């Protein structure tokens, strides 16, 4: 697959994912009934109301509600795949990819605006991965830090559409604070704990990141 074909497929899958996953949040009663409980985990539901500091936090809440195993050890994406919903092959591929996705703190080690790609080094687990991201490939600085969910699709990788940005000079501070928070805010699931920790770190040390 050449670069242009990859980017076109990326745009198509990105739009399909955004549309379908938004449907899961806004139209599925079971998910909506859990909002308050999930909001309390992230600290955004207080005094009978949701309070987000910015738009990115509201998108992060949706990502958390859909992709983390918050429903008896299963995610909302897991539930949808196991349901009797009629899904196209593309939607099955997208949901399977989101089901297997994971979050981490990444350092941008290289970028290629012509190919719309960035190379990420995983600071929590080791290794590197390349993702397509039109916005970050043009504007994000090499050395910058991103907490995001990487989604592995046939032929290319992308992030889920939500990211927290941090300054390169704060790398050691962020890693130390994450280790402390991962102990103090530990839940039964490491992935949930990681998301909660970085949600809090973003409030303290994050820099603005445009949603894609």
N, C-alpha and C. Protein backbone atom coordinates (compact mmCIF):
# COMPACT_ATOMS: atom_id res chain seq x y z
N UNK A 1 0.85 -1.19 0.00
CA UNK A 1 0.00 0.00 0.00
C UNK A 1 0.89 1.25 0.00
N UNK A 2 0.68 2.16 -0.98
CA UNK A 2 1.51 3.36 -1.02
C UNK A 2 1.01 4.40 0.00
N UNK A 3 1.79 5.47 0.13
CA UNK A 3 1.50 6.46 1.17
C UNK A 3 0.12 7.10 1.00
N UNK A 4 -0.23 7.48 -0.23
CA UNK A 4 -1.53 8.10 -0.46
C UNK A 4 -2.68 7.17 -0.11
N UNK A 5 -2.54 5.89 -0.47
CA UNK A 5 -3.58 4.92 -0.14
C UNK A 5 -3.70 4.74 1.38
N UNK A 6 -2.55 4.72 2.06
CA UNK A 6 -2.56 4.60 3.51
C UNK A 6 -3.30 5.76 4.17
N UNK A 7 -3.00 6.96 3.71
CA UNK A 7 -3.61 8.15 4.30
C UNK A 7 -5.11 8.17 4.03
N UNK A 8 -5.52 7.79 2.83
CA UNK A 8 -6.95 7.75 2.52
C UNK A 8 -7.67 6.71 3.37
N UNK A 9 -7.03 5.54 3.56
CA UNK A 9 -7.64 4.51 4.40
C UNK A 9 -7.69 4.98 5.85
N UNK A 10 -6.63 5.65 6.29
CA UNK A 10 -6.59 6.22 7.64
C UNK A 10 -7.77 7.18 7.83
N UNK A 11 -7.98 8.09 6.88
CA UNK A 11 -9.07 9.06 7.01
C UNK A 11 -10.43 8.34 7.06
N UNK A 12 -10.58 7.33 6.23
CA UNK A 12 -11.85 6.60 6.20
C UNK A 12 -12.09 5.88 7.53
N UNK A 13 -11.08 5.17 8.02
CA UNK A 13 -11.24 4.43 9.27
C UNK A 13 -11.41 5.40 10.45
N UNK A 14 -10.70 6.50 10.42
CA UNK A 14 -10.84 7.51 11.48
C UNK A 14 -12.28 8.01 11.54
N UNK A 15 -12.86 8.34 10.38
CA UNK A 15 -14.24 8.85 10.35
C UNK A 15 -15.25 7.79 10.75
N UNK A 16 -15.04 6.55 10.28
CA UNK A 16 -15.93 5.46 10.66
C UNK A 16 -15.90 5.22 12.16
N UNK A 17 -14.70 5.21 12.73
CA UNK A 17 -14.55 4.99 14.17
C UNK A 17 -15.21 6.09 14.95
N UNK A 18 -14.98 7.33 14.55
CA UNK A 18 -15.57 8.47 15.26
C UNK A 18 -17.08 8.40 15.26
N UNK A 19 -17.65 8.09 14.10
CA UNK A 19 -19.11 8.04 13.98
C UNK A 19 -19.70 6.89 14.80
N UNK A 20 -19.12 5.70 14.68
CA UNK A 20 -19.71 4.54 15.33
C UNK A 20 -19.51 4.59 16.84
N UNK A 21 -18.32 4.97 17.28
CA UNK A 21 -18.06 5.02 18.72
C UNK A 21 -18.88 6.12 19.39
N UNK A 22 -19.12 7.22 18.69
CA UNK A 22 -20.00 8.27 19.22
C UNK A 22 -21.40 7.72 19.42
N UNK A 23 -21.84 6.87 18.49
CA UNK A 23 -23.14 6.22 18.61
C UNK A 23 -23.21 5.36 19.88
N UNK A 24 -22.14 4.64 20.17
CA UNK A 24 -22.14 3.79 21.36
C UNK A 24 -22.31 4.61 22.63
N UNK A 25 -21.72 5.79 22.66
CA UNK A 25 -21.79 6.63 23.86
C UNK A 25 -23.14 7.30 24.00
N UNK A 26 -23.67 7.83 22.92
CA UNK A 26 -24.87 8.67 23.01
C UNK A 26 -26.18 7.89 22.93
N UNK A 27 -26.15 6.66 22.40
CA UNK A 27 -27.41 5.97 22.16
C UNK A 27 -27.58 4.66 22.93
N UNK A 28 -26.57 4.24 23.65
CA UNK A 28 -26.69 2.99 24.40
C UNK A 28 -26.99 3.30 25.86
N UNK A 29 -28.17 2.95 26.32
CA UNK A 29 -28.62 3.31 27.66
C UNK A 29 -27.71 2.75 28.74
N UNK A 30 -27.23 1.51 28.55
CA UNK A 30 -26.41 0.87 29.58
C UNK A 30 -25.14 1.67 29.85
N UNK A 31 -24.52 2.18 28.78
CA UNK A 31 -23.31 2.99 28.95
C UNK A 31 -23.64 4.28 29.68
N UNK A 32 -24.72 4.92 29.31
CA UNK A 32 -25.08 6.20 29.91
C UNK A 32 -25.40 6.05 31.39
N UNK A 33 -25.97 4.91 31.79
CA UNK A 33 -26.27 4.70 33.21
C UNK A 33 -25.01 4.61 34.05
N UNK A 34 -23.89 4.28 33.43
CA UNK A 34 -22.63 4.15 34.15
C UNK A 34 -21.82 5.44 34.18
N UNK A 35 -22.30 6.49 33.54
CA UNK A 35 -21.53 7.73 33.42
C UNK A 35 -21.08 8.28 34.77
N UNK A 36 -22.00 8.34 35.74
CA UNK A 36 -21.65 8.94 37.02
C UNK A 36 -20.52 8.16 37.69
N UNK A 37 -20.63 6.83 37.68
CA UNK A 37 -19.59 6.00 38.29
C UNK A 37 -18.25 6.21 37.61
N UNK A 38 -18.25 6.27 36.28
CA UNK A 38 -17.02 6.46 35.53
C UNK A 38 -16.48 7.87 35.76
N UNK A 39 -17.39 8.85 35.80
CA UNK A 39 -16.97 10.22 36.06
C UNK A 39 -16.30 10.38 37.40
N UNK A 40 -16.77 9.65 38.41
CA UNK A 40 -16.16 9.73 39.74
C UNK A 40 -14.75 9.15 39.71
N UNK A 41 -14.52 8.11 38.92
CA UNK A 41 -13.17 7.54 38.82
C UNK A 41 -12.17 8.57 38.29
N UNK A 42 -12.60 9.37 37.32
CA UNK A 42 -11.71 10.37 36.74
C UNK A 42 -11.74 11.69 37.51
N UNK A 43 -12.67 11.82 38.44
CA UNK A 43 -12.76 13.05 39.20
C UNK A 43 -13.46 14.18 38.46
N UNK A 44 -14.30 13.85 37.47
CA UNK A 44 -15.00 14.89 36.72
C UNK A 44 -16.48 14.97 37.07
N UNK A 45 -16.95 14.05 37.94
CA UNK A 45 -18.33 14.13 38.41
C UNK A 45 -18.31 14.50 39.88
N UNK A 46 -18.71 15.75 40.16
CA UNK A 46 -18.68 16.26 41.53
C UNK A 46 -19.93 17.09 41.78
N UNK A 47 -20.49 16.90 42.96
CA UNK A 47 -21.66 17.68 43.38
C UNK A 47 -22.80 17.60 42.35
N UNK A 48 -23.07 16.38 41.91
CA UNK A 48 -24.20 16.07 41.04
C UNK A 48 -24.06 16.64 39.63
N UNK A 49 -22.83 16.95 39.21
CA UNK A 49 -22.64 17.51 37.87
C UNK A 49 -21.27 17.09 37.33
N UNK A 50 -21.19 17.02 35.99
CA UNK A 50 -19.92 16.79 35.33
C UNK A 50 -19.21 18.13 35.16
N UNK A 51 -17.94 18.16 35.54
CA UNK A 51 -17.15 19.38 35.42
C UNK A 51 -15.85 19.04 34.69
N UNK A 52 -15.76 19.48 33.43
CA UNK A 52 -14.56 19.27 32.63
C UNK A 52 -13.81 20.59 32.53
N UNK A 53 -12.49 20.52 32.61
CA UNK A 53 -11.69 21.74 32.52
C UNK A 53 -11.54 22.25 31.10
N UNK A 54 -11.66 21.36 30.12
CA UNK A 54 -11.61 21.76 28.72
C UNK A 54 -12.26 20.69 27.87
N UNK A 55 -12.38 20.95 26.59
CA UNK A 55 -13.04 20.01 25.68
C UNK A 55 -12.29 18.70 25.59
N UNK A 56 -10.97 18.75 25.64
CA UNK A 56 -10.18 17.53 25.53
C UNK A 56 -10.50 16.55 26.65
N UNK A 57 -10.79 17.07 27.85
CA UNK A 57 -11.15 16.19 28.95
C UNK A 57 -12.46 15.45 28.68
N UNK A 58 -13.41 16.11 28.03
CA UNK A 58 -14.67 15.44 27.73
C UNK A 58 -14.46 14.32 26.71
N UNK A 59 -13.57 14.54 25.73
CA UNK A 59 -13.26 13.49 24.77
C UNK A 59 -12.50 12.35 25.44
N UNK A 60 -11.61 12.68 26.38
CA UNK A 60 -10.88 11.66 27.11
C UNK A 60 -11.83 10.80 27.94
N UNK A 61 -12.84 11.43 28.52
CA UNK A 61 -13.86 10.70 29.28
C UNK A 61 -14.55 9.67 28.39
N UNK A 62 -14.89 10.06 27.16
CA UNK A 62 -15.55 9.14 26.22
C UNK A 62 -14.62 7.98 25.87
N UNK A 63 -13.35 8.30 25.59
CA UNK A 63 -12.38 7.25 25.28
C UNK A 63 -12.27 6.25 26.43
N UNK A 64 -12.19 6.78 27.64
CA UNK A 64 -12.11 5.97 28.85
C UNK A 64 -13.34 5.08 28.99
N UNK A 65 -14.53 5.67 28.80
CA UNK A 65 -15.79 4.95 28.98
C UNK A 65 -15.97 3.83 27.96
N UNK A 66 -15.41 4.00 26.77
CA UNK A 66 -15.59 3.02 25.71
C UNK A 66 -14.55 1.91 25.72
N UNK A 67 -13.30 2.27 26.00
CA UNK A 67 -12.19 1.35 25.73
C UNK A 67 -11.63 0.64 26.96
N UNK A 68 -11.88 1.18 28.15
CA UNK A 68 -11.36 0.51 29.34
C UNK A 68 -12.37 -0.52 29.86
N UNK A 69 -11.87 -1.51 30.58
CA UNK A 69 -12.71 -2.62 31.04
C UNK A 69 -13.42 -2.24 32.34
N UNK A 70 -14.44 -1.41 32.18
CA UNK A 70 -15.16 -0.81 33.30
C UNK A 70 -16.48 -1.49 33.61
N UNK A 71 -16.83 -2.53 32.85
CA UNK A 71 -18.15 -3.15 32.96
C UNK A 71 -17.97 -4.63 33.29
N UNK A 72 -17.69 -4.92 34.54
CA UNK A 72 -17.49 -6.31 34.94
C UNK A 72 -16.32 -6.96 34.24
N UNK A 73 -15.23 -6.23 34.10
CA UNK A 73 -14.04 -6.77 33.44
C UNK A 73 -14.08 -6.72 31.93
N UNK A 74 -15.06 -6.02 31.38
CA UNK A 74 -15.19 -5.89 29.93
C UNK A 74 -15.36 -4.43 29.56
N UNK A 75 -14.98 -4.10 28.33
CA UNK A 75 -15.15 -2.74 27.84
C UNK A 75 -16.44 -2.64 27.05
N UNK A 76 -16.86 -1.41 26.77
CA UNK A 76 -18.05 -1.22 25.93
C UNK A 76 -17.80 -1.74 24.53
N UNK A 77 -16.56 -1.65 24.06
CA UNK A 77 -16.21 -2.21 22.75
C UNK A 77 -16.33 -3.73 22.77
N UNK A 78 -15.88 -4.37 23.86
CA UNK A 78 -16.05 -5.82 24.00
C UNK A 78 -17.52 -6.20 23.88
N UNK A 79 -18.35 -5.47 24.59
CA UNK A 79 -19.79 -5.76 24.59
C UNK A 79 -20.39 -5.64 23.20
N UNK A 80 -19.96 -4.62 22.47
CA UNK A 80 -20.51 -4.42 21.13
C UNK A 80 -20.10 -5.55 20.19
N UNK A 81 -18.86 -6.00 20.29
CA UNK A 81 -18.40 -7.10 19.44
C UNK A 81 -19.15 -8.40 19.74
N UNK A 82 -19.54 -8.58 20.99
CA UNK A 82 -20.24 -9.80 21.37
C UNK A 82 -21.75 -9.71 21.18
N UNK A 83 -22.23 -8.54 20.83
CA UNK A 83 -23.67 -8.36 20.64
C UNK A 83 -24.10 -8.94 19.28
N UNK A 84 -25.36 -8.86 19.04
CA UNK A 84 -25.90 -9.35 17.77
C UNK A 84 -26.01 -8.24 16.73
N UNK A 85 -25.33 -7.13 16.97
CA UNK A 85 -25.39 -6.00 16.03
C UNK A 85 -24.82 -6.41 14.67
N UNK A 86 -25.46 -5.93 13.62
CA UNK A 86 -24.97 -6.20 12.27
C UNK A 86 -23.82 -5.23 11.96
N UNK A 87 -22.64 -5.77 11.77
CA UNK A 87 -21.45 -4.97 11.56
C UNK A 87 -20.80 -5.29 10.22
N UNK A 88 -20.33 -4.26 9.54
CA UNK A 88 -19.58 -4.49 8.31
C UNK A 88 -18.20 -5.03 8.67
N UNK A 89 -17.50 -5.57 7.69
CA UNK A 89 -16.16 -6.07 7.93
C UNK A 89 -15.23 -4.97 8.41
N UNK A 90 -15.39 -3.77 7.86
CA UNK A 90 -14.56 -2.64 8.29
C UNK A 90 -14.82 -2.30 9.74
N UNK A 91 -16.08 -2.31 10.17
CA UNK A 91 -16.39 -1.98 11.55
C UNK A 91 -15.88 -3.06 12.49
N UNK A 92 -15.92 -4.31 12.07
CA UNK A 92 -15.36 -5.38 12.90
C UNK A 92 -13.86 -5.17 13.07
N UNK A 93 -13.17 -4.81 11.98
CA UNK A 93 -11.74 -4.55 12.07
C UNK A 93 -11.45 -3.38 13.02
N UNK A 94 -12.25 -2.33 12.93
CA UNK A 94 -12.05 -1.16 13.79
C UNK A 94 -12.31 -1.50 15.25
N UNK A 95 -13.42 -2.18 15.53
CA UNK A 95 -13.74 -2.53 16.91
C UNK A 95 -12.72 -3.50 17.50
N UNK A 96 -12.27 -4.48 16.70
CA UNK A 96 -11.25 -5.41 17.17
C UNK A 96 -9.96 -4.66 17.50
N UNK A 97 -9.63 -3.67 16.67
CA UNK A 97 -8.41 -2.89 16.91
C UNK A 97 -8.54 -2.06 18.18
N UNK A 98 -9.70 -1.45 18.41
CA UNK A 98 -9.91 -0.69 19.64
C UNK A 98 -9.94 -1.61 20.86
N UNK A 99 -10.48 -2.81 20.68
CA UNK A 99 -10.50 -3.79 21.77
C UNK A 99 -9.08 -4.13 22.22
N UNK A 100 -8.17 -4.26 21.27
CA UNK A 100 -6.79 -4.66 21.56
C UNK A 100 -5.86 -3.46 21.79
N UNK A 101 -6.40 -2.25 21.75
CA UNK A 101 -5.57 -1.05 21.87
C UNK A 101 -5.06 -0.89 23.30
N UNK A 102 -4.03 -0.08 23.46
CA UNK A 102 -3.48 0.17 24.79
C UNK A 102 -2.94 1.59 24.86
N UNK A 103 -2.87 2.13 26.07
CA UNK A 103 -2.35 3.48 26.28
C UNK A 103 -0.93 3.41 26.83
N UNK A 104 -0.20 4.49 26.61
CA UNK A 104 1.12 4.62 27.23
C UNK A 104 1.57 6.07 27.09
N UNK A 105 2.68 6.37 27.71
CA UNK A 105 3.34 7.66 27.52
C UNK A 105 4.42 7.47 26.48
N UNK A 106 4.35 8.28 25.43
CA UNK A 106 5.28 8.15 24.31
C UNK A 106 6.09 9.43 24.13
N UNK A 107 7.31 9.24 23.65
CA UNK A 107 8.16 10.36 23.24
C UNK A 107 8.25 10.37 21.72
N UNK A 108 8.02 11.51 21.12
CA UNK A 108 8.12 11.62 19.66
C UNK A 108 9.60 11.67 19.29
N UNK A 109 10.06 10.64 18.58
CA UNK A 109 11.49 10.57 18.24
C UNK A 109 11.76 10.96 16.80
N UNK A 110 10.72 10.98 15.98
CA UNK A 110 10.89 11.38 14.58
C UNK A 110 9.52 11.66 14.00
N UNK A 111 9.49 12.44 12.91
CA UNK A 111 8.22 12.67 12.23
C UNK A 111 8.49 12.89 10.76
N UNK A 112 7.48 12.58 9.94
CA UNK A 112 7.58 12.72 8.49
C UNK A 112 6.29 13.36 7.98
N UNK A 113 6.27 14.69 7.87
CA UNK A 113 5.04 15.37 7.44
C UNK A 113 4.55 14.93 6.06
N UNK A 114 5.48 14.55 5.18
CA UNK A 114 5.07 14.13 3.84
C UNK A 114 4.27 12.83 3.88
N UNK A 115 4.62 11.95 4.81
CA UNK A 115 3.89 10.69 4.95
C UNK A 115 2.85 10.75 6.07
N UNK A 116 2.78 11.89 6.75
CA UNK A 116 1.83 12.10 7.86
C UNK A 116 2.06 11.09 8.99
N UNK A 117 3.32 10.76 9.26
CA UNK A 117 3.63 9.77 10.30
C UNK A 117 4.50 10.38 11.40
N UNK A 118 4.39 9.81 12.59
CA UNK A 118 5.31 10.12 13.67
C UNK A 118 5.81 8.81 14.27
N UNK A 119 7.06 8.81 14.69
CA UNK A 119 7.67 7.65 15.33
C UNK A 119 7.64 7.87 16.83
N UNK A 120 7.09 6.91 17.57
CA UNK A 120 6.91 7.05 19.01
C UNK A 120 7.73 6.02 19.77
N UNK A 121 8.40 6.49 20.83
CA UNK A 121 9.10 5.58 21.74
C UNK A 121 8.25 5.43 22.99
N UNK A 122 7.95 4.18 23.34
CA UNK A 122 7.13 3.88 24.51
C UNK A 122 7.98 4.00 25.77
N UNK A 123 7.68 5.00 26.61
CA UNK A 123 8.48 5.25 27.79
C UNK A 123 8.09 4.38 28.98
N UNK A 124 6.99 3.67 28.90
CA UNK A 124 6.56 2.81 30.01
C UNK A 124 6.85 1.34 29.76
N UNK A 125 6.83 0.93 28.50
CA UNK A 125 6.98 -0.49 28.18
C UNK A 125 8.17 -0.81 27.28
N UNK A 126 8.81 0.24 26.74
CA UNK A 126 9.90 0.02 25.81
C UNK A 126 9.39 -0.21 24.40
N UNK A 127 10.28 -0.11 23.42
CA UNK A 127 9.92 -0.32 22.03
C UNK A 127 9.48 0.96 21.35
N UNK A 128 9.33 0.88 20.04
CA UNK A 128 8.88 2.02 19.24
C UNK A 128 7.77 1.58 18.30
N UNK A 129 6.96 2.55 17.90
CA UNK A 129 5.90 2.28 16.94
C UNK A 129 5.67 3.52 16.10
N UNK A 130 5.23 3.31 14.86
CA UNK A 130 4.92 4.42 13.96
C UNK A 130 3.42 4.52 13.79
N UNK A 131 2.89 5.73 13.88
CA UNK A 131 1.47 5.92 13.66
C UNK A 131 1.26 7.01 12.61
N UNK A 132 0.13 6.94 11.94
CA UNK A 132 -0.29 8.04 11.06
C UNK A 132 -1.05 9.05 11.89
N UNK A 133 -0.64 10.30 11.82
CA UNK A 133 -1.34 11.38 12.51
C UNK A 133 -1.03 12.68 11.76
N UNK A 134 -1.99 13.14 11.00
CA UNK A 134 -1.77 14.28 10.11
C UNK A 134 -1.41 15.53 10.91
N UNK A 135 -2.11 15.78 12.00
CA UNK A 135 -1.86 16.99 12.80
C UNK A 135 -0.50 16.94 13.47
N UNK A 136 -0.24 15.88 14.23
CA UNK A 136 1.01 15.81 14.98
C UNK A 136 2.23 15.72 14.08
N UNK A 137 2.09 15.11 12.91
CA UNK A 137 3.24 14.99 12.01
C UNK A 137 3.69 16.36 11.49
N UNK A 138 2.79 17.33 11.52
CA UNK A 138 3.13 18.68 11.05
C UNK A 138 3.55 19.60 12.20
N UNK A 139 2.88 19.47 13.35
CA UNK A 139 3.03 20.49 14.38
C UNK A 139 3.72 20.02 15.66
N UNK A 140 3.65 18.74 15.98
CA UNK A 140 4.23 18.29 17.25
C UNK A 140 5.75 18.29 17.18
N UNK A 141 6.43 18.77 18.22
CA UNK A 141 7.90 18.81 18.19
C UNK A 141 8.52 17.45 18.49
N UNK A 142 9.61 17.13 17.80
CA UNK A 142 10.38 15.95 18.14
C UNK A 142 10.89 16.14 19.57
N UNK A 143 10.74 15.12 20.40
CA UNK A 143 11.08 15.22 21.81
C UNK A 143 9.88 15.46 22.69
N UNK A 144 8.77 15.91 22.10
CA UNK A 144 7.55 16.11 22.87
C UNK A 144 6.98 14.80 23.37
N UNK A 145 6.15 14.88 24.40
CA UNK A 145 5.57 13.69 25.03
C UNK A 145 4.07 13.64 24.79
N UNK A 146 3.58 12.44 24.51
CA UNK A 146 2.15 12.23 24.30
C UNK A 146 1.69 11.02 25.10
N UNK A 147 0.62 11.19 25.85
CA UNK A 147 -0.08 10.04 26.39
C UNK A 147 -1.26 9.80 25.47
N UNK A 148 -1.32 8.61 24.87
CA UNK A 148 -2.41 8.34 23.92
C UNK A 148 -2.65 6.83 23.84
N UNK A 149 -3.74 6.50 23.17
CA UNK A 149 -4.10 5.10 22.93
C UNK A 149 -3.73 4.77 21.49
N UNK A 150 -2.85 3.78 21.32
CA UNK A 150 -2.43 3.37 19.98
C UNK A 150 -3.33 2.24 19.50
N UNK A 151 -3.86 2.41 18.30
CA UNK A 151 -4.79 1.46 17.69
C UNK A 151 -4.10 0.84 16.48
N UNK A 152 -3.95 -0.48 16.48
CA UNK A 152 -3.24 -1.19 15.42
C UNK A 152 -4.25 -1.74 14.42
N UNK A 153 -4.24 -1.16 13.21
CA UNK A 153 -5.17 -1.56 12.15
C UNK A 153 -4.40 -2.24 11.01
N UNK A 154 -5.10 -2.98 10.15
CA UNK A 154 -4.41 -3.61 9.02
C UNK A 154 -3.74 -2.56 8.12
N UNK A 155 -2.44 -2.60 8.02
CA UNK A 155 -1.72 -1.71 7.11
C UNK A 155 -1.19 -0.43 7.73
N UNK A 156 -1.68 -0.05 8.91
CA UNK A 156 -1.20 1.18 9.54
C UNK A 156 -1.68 1.23 10.99
N UNK A 157 -1.07 2.13 11.75
CA UNK A 157 -1.47 2.37 13.14
C UNK A 157 -1.92 3.83 13.28
N UNK A 158 -2.78 4.08 14.27
CA UNK A 158 -3.21 5.45 14.54
C UNK A 158 -3.47 5.59 16.04
N UNK A 159 -3.67 6.82 16.51
CA UNK A 159 -4.14 6.96 17.89
C UNK A 159 -5.66 7.04 17.88
N UNK A 160 -6.24 6.90 19.05
CA UNK A 160 -7.71 6.82 19.13
C UNK A 160 -8.38 8.15 18.88
N UNK A 161 -7.60 9.25 18.83
CA UNK A 161 -8.17 10.57 18.61
C UNK A 161 -8.09 11.45 19.83
N UNK A 162 -7.60 10.90 20.96
CA UNK A 162 -7.45 11.66 22.19
C UNK A 162 -6.01 11.56 22.64
N UNK A 163 -5.42 12.68 23.08
CA UNK A 163 -4.05 12.65 23.57
C UNK A 163 -3.85 13.74 24.62
N UNK A 164 -2.97 13.47 25.56
CA UNK A 164 -2.49 14.48 26.50
C UNK A 164 -1.05 14.81 26.14
N UNK A 165 -0.73 16.09 26.04
CA UNK A 165 0.62 16.50 25.67
C UNK A 165 1.40 17.02 26.87
N UNK A 166 2.71 16.72 26.89
CA UNK A 166 3.59 17.19 27.96
C UNK A 166 4.89 17.70 27.35
N UNK A 167 5.56 18.60 28.05
CA UNK A 167 6.82 19.16 27.58
C UNK A 167 7.95 18.14 27.73
N UNK A 168 8.89 18.18 26.79
CA UNK A 168 10.01 17.24 26.82
C UNK A 168 10.83 17.39 28.10
N UNK A 169 10.98 18.62 28.58
CA UNK A 169 11.79 18.86 29.78
C UNK A 169 11.15 18.32 31.05
N UNK A 170 9.87 17.94 30.96
CA UNK A 170 9.17 17.40 32.13
C UNK A 170 9.16 15.87 32.15
N UNK A 171 9.92 15.23 31.27
CA UNK A 171 9.84 13.77 31.12
C UNK A 171 10.10 13.04 32.44
N UNK A 172 11.20 13.32 33.10
CA UNK A 172 11.53 12.60 34.33
C UNK A 172 10.53 12.91 35.43
N UNK A 173 10.07 14.15 35.50
CA UNK A 173 9.06 14.53 36.49
C UNK A 173 7.77 13.75 36.26
N UNK A 174 7.32 13.70 35.02
CA UNK A 174 6.08 12.99 34.69
C UNK A 174 6.21 11.52 35.03
N UNK A 175 7.33 10.90 34.71
CA UNK A 175 7.52 9.48 35.00
C UNK A 175 7.53 9.22 36.51
N UNK A 176 8.17 10.10 37.28
CA UNK A 176 8.17 9.93 38.74
C UNK A 176 6.76 10.08 39.31
N UNK A 177 6.07 11.11 38.87
CA UNK A 177 4.71 11.34 39.37
C UNK A 177 3.78 10.20 38.96
N UNK A 178 3.98 9.66 37.75
CA UNK A 178 3.14 8.55 37.30
C UNK A 178 3.34 7.33 38.21
N UNK A 179 4.59 7.03 38.53
CA UNK A 179 4.85 5.86 39.38
C UNK A 179 4.19 6.04 40.74
N UNK A 180 4.23 7.26 41.28
CA UNK A 180 3.59 7.52 42.57
C UNK A 180 2.07 7.40 42.47
N UNK A 181 1.50 7.99 41.43
CA UNK A 181 0.04 7.96 41.26
C UNK A 181 -0.46 6.55 40.98
N UNK A 182 0.31 5.76 40.27
CA UNK A 182 -0.12 4.40 39.92
C UNK A 182 -0.24 3.53 41.16
N UNK A 183 0.45 3.94 42.24
CA UNK A 183 0.32 3.22 43.52
C UNK A 183 -0.84 3.79 44.33
N UNK A 184 -0.91 5.11 44.43
CA UNK A 184 -1.94 5.72 45.27
C UNK A 184 -3.34 5.60 44.68
N UNK A 185 -3.44 5.52 43.35
CA UNK A 185 -4.75 5.44 42.69
C UNK A 185 -4.98 4.07 42.05
N UNK A 186 -4.28 3.04 42.54
CA UNK A 186 -4.36 1.72 41.91
C UNK A 186 -5.78 1.16 41.98
N UNK A 187 -6.24 0.64 40.86
CA UNK A 187 -7.50 -0.09 40.79
C UNK A 187 -7.15 -1.54 40.47
N UNK A 188 -8.17 -2.36 40.30
CA UNK A 188 -7.93 -3.77 40.01
C UNK A 188 -7.34 -3.98 38.62
N UNK A 189 -7.39 -2.95 37.77
CA UNK A 189 -6.94 -3.05 36.39
C UNK A 189 -5.82 -2.03 36.14
N UNK A 190 -4.67 -2.49 35.67
CA UNK A 190 -3.52 -1.60 35.45
C UNK A 190 -3.81 -0.55 34.39
N UNK A 191 -4.55 -0.92 33.34
CA UNK A 191 -4.84 0.02 32.27
C UNK A 191 -5.74 1.16 32.76
N UNK A 192 -6.74 0.82 33.58
CA UNK A 192 -7.61 1.84 34.16
C UNK A 192 -6.80 2.77 35.05
N UNK A 193 -5.94 2.20 35.88
CA UNK A 193 -5.10 2.99 36.78
C UNK A 193 -4.21 3.94 35.98
N UNK A 194 -3.63 3.45 34.89
CA UNK A 194 -2.75 4.27 34.05
C UNK A 194 -3.51 5.46 33.48
N UNK A 195 -4.71 5.22 32.98
CA UNK A 195 -5.51 6.31 32.39
C UNK A 195 -5.84 7.35 33.46
N UNK A 196 -6.29 6.90 34.63
CA UNK A 196 -6.64 7.83 35.70
C UNK A 196 -5.42 8.67 36.10
N UNK A 197 -4.26 8.02 36.21
CA UNK A 197 -3.04 8.72 36.61
C UNK A 197 -2.68 9.81 35.62
N UNK A 198 -2.73 9.50 34.32
CA UNK A 198 -2.34 10.50 33.33
C UNK A 198 -3.42 11.57 33.13
N UNK A 199 -4.66 11.22 33.39
CA UNK A 199 -5.71 12.25 33.38
C UNK A 199 -5.38 13.30 34.44
N UNK A 200 -4.98 12.85 35.62
CA UNK A 200 -4.60 13.78 36.70
C UNK A 200 -3.31 14.53 36.37
N UNK A 201 -2.33 13.84 35.79
CA UNK A 201 -1.08 14.50 35.42
C UNK A 201 -1.31 15.57 34.35
N UNK A 202 -2.24 15.31 33.45
CA UNK A 202 -2.55 16.31 32.43
C UNK A 202 -3.09 17.59 33.06
N UNK A 203 -3.89 17.44 34.11
CA UNK A 203 -4.42 18.62 34.79
C UNK A 203 -3.30 19.44 35.45
N UNK A 204 -2.25 18.77 35.88
CA UNK A 204 -1.16 19.46 36.56
C UNK A 204 -0.09 19.98 35.61
N UNK A 205 0.27 19.17 34.61
CA UNK A 205 1.45 19.48 33.79
C UNK A 205 1.18 19.50 32.28
N UNK A 206 -0.06 19.21 31.88
CA UNK A 206 -0.34 19.08 30.46
C UNK A 206 -0.27 20.40 29.71
N UNK A 207 -0.01 20.29 28.41
CA UNK A 207 -0.05 21.43 27.51
C UNK A 207 -1.15 21.19 26.48
N UNK A 208 -1.75 22.23 25.93
CA UNK A 208 -2.89 22.06 25.02
C UNK A 208 -2.57 21.17 23.80
N UNK A 209 -3.47 20.27 23.54
CA UNK A 209 -3.35 19.38 22.37
C UNK A 209 -4.65 19.47 21.60
N UNK A 210 -4.57 19.80 20.33
CA UNK A 210 -5.78 19.90 19.50
C UNK A 210 -6.36 18.51 19.23
N UNK A 211 -7.66 18.35 19.46
CA UNK A 211 -8.33 17.09 19.12
C UNK A 211 -8.42 16.93 17.61
N UNK A 212 -8.21 15.71 17.12
CA UNK A 212 -8.30 15.44 15.69
C UNK A 212 -9.68 14.92 15.32
